[in-house]
Amino acid sequence: EEDKLIDWFSQLNPLLDTDIAEFENRIRRSEISTVELEYLSDFMLFKLLDSQELAVDGPLSLALYLLRCEFEIKNLRLILSAYHNHLPSDLLAERMRPIYGQ
């Protein structure tokens, strides 16, 4: 089952940046956490839609806008809960979602 995940991930990886290579290595070593896996899924969605940012026709620009809005809401929730629970900023920074080319 682990090989199926790596094979699927390897098929998507050529479409994306080399930023994902570290995640691929962690999957191979079975050292990826659920937080990192959730971040990876959001990052892959963002990168796939961000490559079509300049396309003005079709539903992709709307999908990218809605995804960015969702990430802004997630980031705002993370900031508010971190502030309320007095969490350190480095723990917060690793869970923030990419917005606008970050």
PDB file of N, CA and C in Angstrom:
ATOM      1  N   GLU A   1       0.820  -1.184   0.000  1.00  0.00           N
ATOM      2  CA  GLU A   1       0.000   0.000   0.000  1.00  0.00           C
ATOM      3  C   GLU A   1       0.868   1.254   0.000  1.00  0.00           C
ATOM      4  N   GLU A   2       1.989   1.195   0.689  1.00  0.00           N
ATOM      5  CA  GLU A   2       2.892   2.340   0.724  1.00  0.00           C
ATOM      6  C   GLU A   2       3.440   2.638  -0.672  1.00  0.00           C
ATOM      7  N   ASP A   3       3.715   1.595  -1.451  1.00  0.00           N
ATOM      8  CA  ASP A   3       4.219   1.778  -2.807  1.00  0.00           C
ATOM      9  C   ASP A   3       3.189   2.450  -3.703  1.00  0.00           C
ATOM     10  N   LYS A   4       1.906   2.179  -3.470  1.00  0.00           N
ATOM     11  CA  LYS A   4       0.859   2.816  -4.267  1.00  0.00           C
ATOM     12  C   LYS A   4       0.856   4.322  -4.041  1.00  0.00           C
ATOM     13  N   LEU A   5       1.027   4.747  -2.798  1.00  0.00           N
ATOM     14  CA  LEU A   5       1.062   6.173  -2.487  1.00  0.00           C
ATOM     15  C   LEU A   5       2.270   6.833  -3.139  1.00  0.00           C
ATOM     16  N   ILE A   6       3.417   6.196  -3.086  1.00  0.00           N
ATOM     17  CA  ILE A   6       4.630   6.763  -3.685  1.00  0.00           C
ATOM     18  C   ILE A   6       4.502   6.809  -5.204  1.00  0.00           C
ATOM     19  N   ASP A   7       3.925   5.770  -5.818  1.00  0.00           N
ATOM     20  CA  ASP A   7       3.737   5.769  -7.264  1.00  0.00           C
ATOM     21  C   ASP A   7       2.796   6.889  -7.699  1.00  0.00           C
ATOM     22  N   TRP A   8       1.703   7.062  -6.971  1.00  0.00           N
ATOM     23  CA  TRP A   8       0.767   8.135  -7.278  1.00  0.00           C
ATOM     24  C   TRP A   8       1.433   9.490  -7.121  1.00  0.00           C
ATOM     25  N   PHE A   9       2.204   9.633  -6.064  1.00  0.00           N
ATOM     26  CA  PHE A   9       2.877  10.895  -5.801  1.00  0.00           C
ATOM     27  C   PHE A   9       3.925  11.183  -6.871  1.00  0.00           C
ATOM     28  N   SER A  10       4.624  10.158  -7.342  1.00  0.00           N
ATOM     29  CA  SER A  10       5.647  10.335  -8.379  1.00  0.00           C
ATOM     30  C   SER A  10       5.027  10.758  -9.707  1.00  0.00           C
ATOM     31  N   GLN A  11       3.807  10.352  -9.961  1.00  0.00           N
ATOM     32  CA  GLN A  11       3.129  10.777 -11.179  1.00  0.00           C
ATOM     33  C   GLN A  11       2.799  12.260 -11.140  1.00  0.00           C
ATOM     34  N   LEU A  12       2.459  12.781  -9.977  1.00  0.00           N
ATOM     35  CA  LEU A  12       2.129  14.196  -9.851  1.00  0.00           C
ATOM     36  C   LEU A  12       3.357  15.076  -9.715  1.00  0.00           C
ATOM     37  N   ASN A  13       4.417  14.538  -9.176  1.00  0.00           N
ATOM     38  CA  ASN A  13       5.597  15.342  -8.877  1.00  0.00           C
ATOM     39  C   ASN A  13       6.200  16.030 -10.095  1.00  0.00           C
ATOM     40  N   PRO A  14       6.279  15.422 -11.299  1.00  0.00           N
ATOM     41  CA  PRO A  14       6.836  16.158 -12.436  1.00  0.00           C
ATOM     42  C   PRO A  14       6.026  17.390 -12.817  1.00  0.00           C
ATOM     43  N   LEU A  15       4.759  17.420 -12.456  1.00  0.00           N
ATOM     44  CA  LEU A  15       3.929  18.573 -12.765  1.00  0.00           C
ATOM     45  C   LEU A  15       4.194  19.740 -11.833  1.00  0.00           C
ATOM     46  N   LEU A  16       4.855  19.488 -10.723  1.00  0.00           N
ATOM     47  CA  LEU A  16       5.033  20.500  -9.697  1.00  0.00           C
ATOM     48  C   LEU A  16       6.497  20.871  -9.541  1.00  0.00           C
ATOM     49  N   ASP A  17       6.763  21.789  -8.634  1.00  0.00           N
ATOM     50  CA  ASP A  17       8.130  22.245  -8.368  1.00  0.00           C
ATOM     51  C   ASP A  17       8.950  21.179  -7.656  1.00  0.00           C
ATOM     52  N   THR A  18      10.200  21.478  -7.481  1.00  0.00           N
ATOM     53  CA  THR A  18      11.066  20.603  -6.693  1.00  0.00           C
ATOM     54  C   THR A  18      10.862  20.833  -5.197  1.00  0.00           C
ATOM     55  N   ASP A  19       9.986  21.761  -4.830  1.00  0.00           N
ATOM     56  CA  ASP A  19       9.675  22.005  -3.416  1.00  0.00           C
ATOM     57  C   ASP A  19       9.094  20.762  -2.764  1.00  0.00           C
ATOM     58  N   ILE A  20       8.526  19.893  -3.549  1.00  0.00           N
ATOM     59  CA  ILE A  20       7.821  18.736  -3.032  1.00  0.00           C
ATOM     60  C   ILE A  20       8.750  17.537  -2.850  1.00  0.00           C
ATOM     61  N   ALA A  21       9.975  17.631  -3.323  1.00  0.00           N
ATOM     62  CA  ALA A  21      10.903  16.502  -3.244  1.00  0.00           C
ATOM     63  C   ALA A  21      11.156  16.071  -1.802  1.00  0.00           C
ATOM     64  N   GLU A  22      11.208  17.028  -0.887  1.00  0.00           N
ATOM     65  CA  GLU A  22      11.423  16.688   0.528  1.00  0.00           C
ATOM     66  C   GLU A  22      10.245  15.890   1.079  1.00  0.00           C
ATOM     67  N   PHE A  23       9.030  16.253   0.683  1.00  0.00           N
ATOM     68  CA  PHE A  23       7.857  15.487   1.113  1.00  0.00           C
ATOM     69  C   PHE A  23       7.896  14.073   0.555  1.00  0.00           C
ATOM     70  N   GLU A  24       8.339  13.937  -0.694  1.00  0.00           N
ATOM     71  CA  GLU A  24       8.434  12.617  -1.305  1.00  0.00           C
ATOM     72  C   GLU A  24       9.429  11.738  -0.545  1.00  0.00           C
ATOM     73  N   ASN A  25      10.548  12.321  -0.148  1.00  0.00           N
ATOM     74  CA  ASN A  25      11.532  11.565   0.630  1.00  0.00           C
ATOM     75  C   ASN A  25      10.969  11.137   1.985  1.00  0.00           C
ATOM     76  N   ARG A  26      10.196  12.009   2.615  1.00  0.00           N
ATOM     77  CA  ARG A  26       9.587  11.656   3.904  1.00  0.00           C
ATOM     78  C   ARG A  26       8.550  10.561   3.755  1.00  0.00           C
ATOM     79  N   ILE A  27       7.821  10.565   2.639  1.00  0.00           N
ATOM     80  CA  ILE A  27       6.846   9.499   2.397  1.00  0.00           C
ATOM     81  C   ILE A  27       7.577   8.171   2.201  1.00  0.00           C
ATOM     82  N   ARG A  28       8.668   8.187   1.453  1.00  0.00           N
ATOM     83  CA  ARG A  28       9.443   6.959   1.238  1.00  0.00           C
ATOM     84  C   ARG A  28       9.980   6.390   2.548  1.00  0.00           C
ATOM     85  N   ARG A  29      10.404   7.266   3.472  1.00  0.00           N
ATOM     86  CA  ARG A  29      10.947   6.808   4.753  1.00  0.00           C
ATOM     87  C   ARG A  29       9.853   6.584   5.798  1.00  0.00           C
ATOM     88  N   SER A  30       8.600   6.845   5.441  1.00  0.00           N
ATOM     89  CA  SER A  30       7.444   6.732   6.351  1.00  0.00           C
ATOM     90  C   SER A  30       7.614   7.616   7.581  1.00  0.00           C
ATOM     91  N   GLU A  31       8.095   8.827   7.355  1.00  0.00           N
ATOM     92  CA  GLU A  31       8.316   9.775   8.451  1.00  0.00           C
ATOM     93  C   GLU A  31       7.442  11.014   8.331  1.00  0.00           C
ATOM     94  N   ILE A  32       6.379  10.944   7.562  1.00  0.00           N
ATOM     95  CA  ILE A  32       5.552  12.127   7.364  1.00  0.00           C
ATOM     96  C   ILE A  32       4.420  12.130   8.388  1.00  0.00           C
ATOM     97  N   SER A  33       4.160  13.297   8.959  1.00  0.00           N
ATOM     98  CA  SER A  33       3.095  13.414   9.954  1.00  0.00           C
ATOM     99  C   SER A  33       1.788  13.809   9.257  1.00  0.00           C
ATOM    100  N   THR A  34       0.712  13.748   9.991  1.00  0.00           N
ATOM    101  CA  THR A  34      -0.579  14.109   9.414  1.00  0.00           C
ATOM    102  C   THR A  34      -0.650  15.594   9.102  1.00  0.00           C
ATOM    103  N   VAL A  35       0.002  16.411   9.916  1.00  0.00           N
ATOM    104  CA  VAL A  35       0.028  17.852   9.664  1.00  0.00           C
ATOM    105  C   VAL A  35       0.762  18.139   8.357  1.00  0.00           C
ATOM    106  N   GLU A  36       1.886  17.462   8.149  1.00  0.00           N
ATOM    107  CA  GLU A  36       2.644  17.650   6.911  1.00  0.00           C
ATOM    108  C   GLU A  36       1.882  17.125   5.702  1.00  0.00           C
ATOM    109  N   LEU A  37       1.167  16.044   5.872  1.00  0.00           N
ATOM    110  CA  LEU A  37       0.384  15.485   4.780  1.00  0.00           C
ATOM    111  C   LEU A  37      -0.773  16.414   4.404  1.00  0.00           C
ATOM    112  N   GLU A  38      -1.402  17.016   5.397  1.00  0.00           N
ATOM    113  CA  GLU A  38      -2.464  17.978   5.122  1.00  0.00           C
ATOM    114  C   GLU A  38      -1.902  19.214   4.422  1.00  0.00           C
ATOM    115  N   TYR A  39      -0.746  19.688   4.891  1.00  0.00           N
ATOM    116  CA  TYR A  39      -0.110  20.825   4.243  1.00  0.00           C
ATOM    117  C   TYR A  39       0.272  20.482   2.806  1.00  0.00           C
ATOM    118  N   LEU A  40       0.769  19.278   2.586  1.00  0.00           N
ATOM    119  CA  LEU A  40       1.163  18.844   1.249  1.00  0.00           C
ATOM    120  C   LEU A  40      -0.029  18.833   0.302  1.00  0.00           C
ATOM    121  N   SER A  41      -1.155  18.345   0.754  1.00  0.00           N
ATOM    122  CA  SER A  41      -2.336  18.312  -0.119  1.00  0.00           C
ATOM    123  C   SER A  41      -2.776  19.726  -0.481  1.00  0.00           C
ATOM    124  N   ASP A  42      -2.765  20.642   0.493  1.00  0.00           N
ATOM    125  CA  ASP A  42      -3.118  22.033   0.206  1.00  0.00           C
ATOM    126  C   ASP A  42      -2.097  22.678  -0.726  1.00  0.00           C
ATOM    127  N   PHE A  43      -0.822  22.391  -0.508  1.00  0.00           N
ATOM    128  CA  PHE A  43       0.238  22.960  -1.327  1.00  0.00           C
ATOM    129  C   PHE A  43       0.142  22.472  -2.764  1.00  0.00           C
ATOM    130  N   MET A  44      -0.169  21.186  -2.947  1.00  0.00           N
ATOM    131  CA  MET A  44      -0.290  20.642  -4.295  1.00  0.00           C
ATOM    132  C   MET A  44      -1.490  21.244  -5.019  1.00  0.00           C
ATOM    133  N   LEU A  45      -2.603  21.396  -4.334  1.00  0.00           N
ATOM    134  CA  LEU A  45      -3.758  22.058  -4.938  1.00  0.00           C
ATOM    135  C   LEU A  45      -3.421  23.476  -5.351  1.00  0.00           C
ATOM    136  N   PHE A  46      -2.740  24.189  -4.462  1.00  0.00           N
ATOM    137  CA  PHE A  46      -2.371  25.571  -4.746  1.00  0.00           C
ATOM    138  C   PHE A  46      -1.451  25.653  -5.963  1.00  0.00           C
ATOM    139  N   LYS A  47      -0.435  24.793  -6.025  1.00  0.00           N
ATOM    140  CA  LYS A  47       0.521  24.832  -7.133  1.00  0.00           C
ATOM    141  C   LYS A  47      -0.149  24.464  -8.462  1.00  0.00           C
ATOM    142  N   LEU A  48      -1.034  23.483  -8.445  1.00  0.00           N
ATOM    143  CA  LEU A  48      -1.710  23.093  -9.678  1.00  0.00           C
ATOM    144  C   LEU A  48      -2.617  24.204 -10.197  1.00  0.00           C
ATOM    145  N   LEU A  49      -3.320  24.870  -9.305  1.00  0.00           N
ATOM    146  CA  LEU A  49      -4.197  25.955  -9.738  1.00  0.00           C
ATOM    147  C   LEU A  49      -3.425  27.239 -10.001  1.00  0.00           C
ATOM    148  N   ASP A  50      -2.335  27.464  -9.292  1.00  0.00           N
ATOM    149  CA  ASP A  50      -1.557  28.685  -9.465  1.00  0.00           C
ATOM    150  C   ASP A  50      -0.871  28.718 -10.828  1.00  0.00           C
ATOM    151  N   SER A  51      -0.587  27.559 -11.393  1.00  0.00           N
ATOM    152  CA  SER A  51       0.032  27.528 -12.718  1.00  0.00           C
ATOM    153  C   SER A  51      -0.929  28.044 -13.787  1.00  0.00           C
ATOM    154  N   GLN A  52      -2.209  28.057 -13.500  1.00  0.00           N
ATOM    155  CA  GLN A  52      -3.223  28.549 -14.437  1.00  0.00           C
ATOM    156  C   GLN A  52      -3.739  29.923 -14.047  1.00  0.00           C
ATOM    157  N   GLU A  53      -2.966  30.671 -13.285  1.00  0.00           N
ATOM    158  CA  GLU A  53      -3.430  31.947 -12.740  1.00  0.00           C
ATOM    159  C   GLU A  53      -3.781  32.953 -13.830  1.00  0.00           C
ATOM    160  N   LEU A  54      -3.059  32.958 -14.916  1.00  0.00           N
ATOM    161  CA  LEU A  54      -3.273  33.954 -15.954  1.00  0.00           C
ATOM    162  C   LEU A  54      -4.374  33.580 -16.939  1.00  0.00           C
ATOM    163  N   ALA A  55      -4.939  32.407 -16.793  1.00  0.00           N
ATOM    164  CA  ALA A  55      -6.040  32.006 -17.669  1.00  0.00           C
ATOM    165  C   ALA A  55      -7.303  32.732 -17.232  1.00  0.00           C
ATOM    166  N   VAL A  56      -7.851  33.559 -18.114  1.00  0.00           N
ATOM    167  CA  VAL A  56      -9.025  34.343 -17.746  1.00  0.00           C
ATOM    168  C   VAL A  56     -10.325  33.673 -18.164  1.00  0.00           C
ATOM    169  N   ASP A  57     -10.241  32.714 -19.059  1.00  0.00           N
ATOM    170  CA  ASP A  57     -11.453  32.029 -19.475  1.00  0.00           C
ATOM    171  C   ASP A  57     -11.557  30.677 -18.776  1.00  0.00           C
ATOM    172  N   GLY A  58     -12.748  30.306 -18.449  1.00  0.00           N
ATOM    173  CA  GLY A  58     -12.942  29.014 -17.797  1.00  0.00           C
ATOM    174  C   GLY A  58     -13.048  29.154 -16.286  1.00  0.00           C
ATOM    175  N   PRO A  59     -13.296  28.033 -15.636  1.00  0.00           N
ATOM    176  CA  PRO A  59     -13.551  28.050 -14.193  1.00  0.00           C
ATOM    177  C   PRO A  59     -12.297  28.025 -13.320  1.00  0.00           C
ATOM    178  N   LEU A  60     -11.093  27.910 -13.908  1.00  0.00           N
ATOM    179  CA  LEU A  60      -9.896  27.781 -13.087  1.00  0.00           C
ATOM    180  C   LEU A  60      -9.592  29.034 -12.269  1.00  0.00           C
ATOM    181  N   SER A  61      -9.835  30.200 -12.835  1.00  0.00           N
ATOM    182  CA  SER A  61      -9.567  31.427 -12.065  1.00  0.00           C
ATOM    183  C   SER A  61     -10.513  31.540 -10.873  1.00  0.00           C
ATOM    184  N   LEU A  62     -11.749  31.114 -11.044  1.00  0.00           N
ATOM    185  CA  LEU A  62     -12.694  31.112  -9.928  1.00  0.00           C
ATOM    186  C   LEU A  62     -12.290  30.087  -8.874  1.00  0.00           C
ATOM    187  N   ALA A  63     -11.844  28.902  -9.326  1.00  0.00           N
ATOM    188  CA  ALA A  63     -11.405  27.868  -8.383  1.00  0.00           C
ATOM    189  C   ALA A  63     -10.190  28.344  -7.588  1.00  0.00           C
ATOM    190  N   LEU A  64      -9.249  29.019  -8.237  1.00  0.00           N
ATOM    191  CA  LEU A  64      -8.073  29.537  -7.545  1.00  0.00           C
ATOM    192  C   LEU A  64      -8.467  30.609  -6.538  1.00  0.00           C
ATOM    193  N   TYR A  65      -9.396  31.481  -6.916  1.00  0.00           N
ATOM    194  CA  TYR A  65      -9.873  32.510  -5.990  1.00  0.00           C
ATOM    195  C   TYR A  65     -10.520  31.883  -4.753  1.00  0.00           C
ATOM    196  N   LEU A  66     -11.365  30.884  -4.967  1.00  0.00           N
ATOM    197  CA  LEU A  66     -12.034  30.230  -3.845  1.00  0.00           C
ATOM    198  C   LEU A  66     -11.043  29.469  -2.962  1.00  0.00           C
ATOM    199  N   LEU A  67     -10.034  28.850  -3.573  1.00  0.00           N
ATOM    200  CA  LEU A  67      -9.011  28.159  -2.796  1.00  0.00           C
ATOM    201  C   LEU A  67      -8.211  29.143  -1.952  1.00  0.00           C
ATOM    202  N   ARG A  68      -7.878  30.287  -2.524  1.00  0.00           N
ATOM    203  CA  ARG A  68      -7.152  31.308  -1.748  1.00  0.00           C
ATOM    204  C   ARG A  68      -7.995  31.838  -0.602  1.00  0.00           C
ATOM    205  N   CYS A  69      -9.284  32.003  -0.835  1.00  0.00           N
ATOM    206  CA  CYS A  69     -10.169  32.436   0.259  1.00  0.00           C
ATOM    207  C   CYS A  69     -10.208  31.393   1.369  1.00  0.00           C
ATOM    208  N   GLU A  70     -10.268  30.128   0.987  1.00  0.00           N
ATOM    209  CA  GLU A  70     -10.269  29.053   1.985  1.00  0.00           C
ATOM    210  C   GLU A  70      -8.971  29.043   2.777  1.00  0.00           C
ATOM    211  N   PHE A  71      -7.836  29.261   2.103  1.00  0.00           N
ATOM    212  CA  PHE A  71      -6.553  29.302   2.799  1.00  0.00           C
ATOM    213  C   PHE A  71      -6.467  30.502   3.738  1.00  0.00           C
ATOM    214  N   GLU A  72      -7.025  31.639   3.335  1.00  0.00           N
ATOM    215  CA  GLU A  72      -7.027  32.798   4.214  1.00  0.00           C
ATOM    216  C   GLU A  72      -7.835  32.520   5.475  1.00  0.00           C
ATOM    217  N   ILE A  73      -8.955  31.839   5.322  1.00  0.00           N
ATOM    218  CA  ILE A  73      -9.778  31.495   6.487  1.00  0.00           C
ATOM    219  C   ILE A  73      -9.038  30.512   7.392  1.00  0.00           C
ATOM    220  N   LYS A  74      -8.390  29.499   6.799  1.00  0.00           N
ATOM    221  CA  LYS A  74      -7.611  28.552   7.605  1.00  0.00           C
ATOM    222  C   LYS A  74      -6.492  29.260   8.355  1.00  0.00           C
ATOM    223  N   ASN A  75      -5.792  30.166   7.668  1.00  0.00           N
ATOM    224  CA  ASN A  75      -4.699  30.890   8.323  1.00  0.00           C
ATOM    225  C   ASN A  75      -5.204  31.780   9.443  1.00  0.00           C
ATOM    226  N   LEU A  76      -6.321  32.422   9.223  1.00  0.00           N
ATOM    227  CA  LEU A  76      -6.899  33.262  10.269  1.00  0.00           C
ATOM    228  C   LEU A  76      -7.306  32.430  11.478  1.00  0.00           C
ATOM    229  N   ARG A  77      -7.890  31.278  11.248  1.00  0.00           N
ATOM    230  CA  ARG A  77      -8.250  30.380  12.357  1.00  0.00           C
ATOM    231  C   ARG A  77      -7.008  29.905  13.104  1.00  0.00           C
ATOM    232  N   LEU A  78      -5.954  29.579  12.358  1.00  0.00           N
ATOM    233  CA  LEU A  78      -4.705  29.162  12.994  1.00  0.00           C
ATOM    234  C   LEU A  78      -4.123  30.270  13.858  1.00  0.00           C
ATOM    235  N   ILE A  79      -4.117  31.488  13.348  1.00  0.00           N
ATOM    236  CA  ILE A  79      -3.561  32.622  14.097  1.00  0.00           C
ATOM    237  C   ILE A  79      -4.363  32.872  15.361  1.00  0.00           C
ATOM    238  N   LEU A  80      -5.684  32.864  15.237  1.00  0.00           N
ATOM    239  CA  LEU A  80      -6.530  33.133  16.404  1.00  0.00           C
ATOM    240  C   LEU A  80      -6.413  32.040  17.461  1.00  0.00           C
ATOM    241  N   SER A  81      -6.376  30.774  17.021  1.00  0.00           N
ATOM    242  CA  SER A  81      -6.253  29.698  18.012  1.00  0.00           C
ATOM    243  C   SER A  81      -4.858  29.674  18.631  1.00  0.00           C
ATOM    244  N   ALA A  82      -3.829  30.011  17.861  1.00  0.00           N
ATOM    245  CA  ALA A  82      -2.479  30.076  18.418  1.00  0.00           C
ATOM    246  C   ALA A  82      -2.365  31.210  19.428  1.00  0.00           C
ATOM    247  N   TYR A  83      -2.986  32.338  19.122  1.00  0.00           N
ATOM    248  CA  TYR A  83      -2.970  33.465  20.052  1.00  0.00           C
ATOM    249  C   TYR A  83      -3.715  33.117  21.342  1.00  0.00           C
ATOM    250  N   HIS A  84      -4.863  32.473  21.187  1.00  0.00           N
ATOM    251  CA  HIS A  84      -5.670  32.117  22.354  1.00  0.00           C
ATOM    252  C   HIS A  84      -4.976  31.079  23.238  1.00  0.00           C
ATOM    253  N   ASN A  85      -4.246  30.146  22.629  1.00  0.00           N
ATOM    254  CA  ASN A  85      -3.585  29.078  23.375  1.00  0.00           C
ATOM    255  C   ASN A  85      -2.122  29.365  23.693  1.00  0.00           C
ATOM    256  N   HIS A  86      -1.651  30.567  23.355  1.00  0.00           N
ATOM    257  CA  HIS A  86      -0.279  31.007  23.641  1.00  0.00           C
ATOM    258  C   HIS A  86       0.761  30.072  23.038  1.00  0.00           C
ATOM    259  N   LEU A  87       0.554  29.688  21.767  1.00  0.00           N
ATOM    260  CA  LEU A  87       1.496  28.817  21.071  1.00  0.00           C
ATOM    261  C   LEU A  87       2.638  29.641  20.479  1.00  0.00           C
ATOM    262  N   PRO A  88       3.829  29.076  20.377  1.00  0.00           N
ATOM    263  CA  PRO A  88       4.948  29.809  19.795  1.00  0.00           C
ATOM    264  C   PRO A  88       4.747  30.037  18.293  1.00  0.00           C
ATOM    265  N   SER A  89       5.346  31.091  17.779  1.00  0.00           N
ATOM    266  CA  SER A  89       5.137  31.463  16.383  1.00  0.00           C
ATOM    267  C   SER A  89       5.765  30.475  15.411  1.00  0.00           C
ATOM    268  N   ASP A  90       6.835  29.767  15.808  1.00  0.00           N
ATOM    269  CA  ASP A  90       7.430  28.799  14.889  1.00  0.00           C
ATOM    270  C   ASP A  90       6.504  27.609  14.655  1.00  0.00           C
ATOM    271  N   LEU A  91       5.751  27.220  15.670  1.00  0.00           N
ATOM    272  CA  LEU A  91       4.766  26.154  15.509  1.00  0.00           C
ATOM    273  C   LEU A  91       3.629  26.617  14.607  1.00  0.00           C
ATOM    274  N   LEU A  92       3.277  27.873  14.725  1.00  0.00           N
ATOM    275  CA  LEU A  92       2.225  28.435  13.888  1.00  0.00           C
ATOM    276  C   LEU A  92       2.687  28.544  12.436  1.00  0.00           C
ATOM    277  N   ALA A  93       3.916  28.958  12.216  1.00  0.00           N
ATOM    278  CA  ALA A  93       4.421  29.181  10.857  1.00  0.00           C
ATOM    279  C   ALA A  93       4.465  27.901  10.035  1.00  0.00           C
ATOM    280  N   GLU A  94       4.733  26.774  10.672  1.00  0.00           N
ATOM    281  CA  GLU A  94       4.804  25.533   9.900  1.00  0.00           C
ATOM    282  C   GLU A  94       3.441  25.033   9.457  1.00  0.00           C
ATOM    283  N   ARG A  95       2.384  25.544  10.062  1.00  0.00           N
ATOM    284  CA  ARG A  95       1.038  25.107   9.707  1.00  0.00           C
ATOM    285  C   ARG A  95       0.296  26.087   8.805  1.00  0.00           C
ATOM    286  N   MET A  96       0.905  27.232   8.528  1.00  0.00           N
ATOM    287  CA  MET A  96       0.255  28.225   7.668  1.00  0.00           C
ATOM    288  C   MET A  96       0.187  27.731   6.229  1.00  0.00           C
ATOM    289  N   ARG A  97      -0.871  28.085   5.536  1.00  0.00           N
ATOM    290  CA  ARG A  97      -1.080  27.671   4.156  1.00  0.00           C
ATOM    291  C   ARG A  97      -0.495  28.716   3.207  1.00  0.00           C
ATOM    292  N   PRO A  98      -0.061  28.264   2.014  1.00  0.00           N
ATOM    293  CA  PRO A  98       0.516  29.222   1.048  1.00  0.00           C
ATOM    294  C   PRO A  98      -0.575  30.101   0.447  1.00  0.00           C
ATOM    295  N   ILE A  99      -0.285  31.380   0.397  1.00  0.00           N
ATOM    296  CA  ILE A  99      -1.225  32.321  -0.209  1.00  0.00           C
ATOM    297  C   ILE A  99      -0.434  33.275  -1.099  1.00  0.00           C
ATOM    298  N   TYR A 100      -0.925  33.474  -2.312  1.00  0.00           N
ATOM    299  CA  TYR A 100      -0.365  34.459  -3.241  1.00  0.00           C
ATOM    300  C   TYR A 100       1.116  34.246  -3.505  1.00  0.00           C
ATOM    301  N   GLY A 101       1.498  33.045  -3.875  1.00  0.00           N
ATOM    302  CA  GLY A 101       2.842  32.769  -4.325  1.00  0.00           C
ATOM    303  C   GLY A 101       3.891  32.589  -3.242  1.00  0.00           C
ATOM    304  N   GLN A 102       3.494  32.357  -2.011  1.00  0.00           N
ATOM    305  CA  GLN A 102       4.468  32.145  -0.939  1.00  0.00           C
ATOM    306  C   GLN A 102       5.095  30.798  -1.066  1.00  0.00           C
TER     307      GLN A 102
END
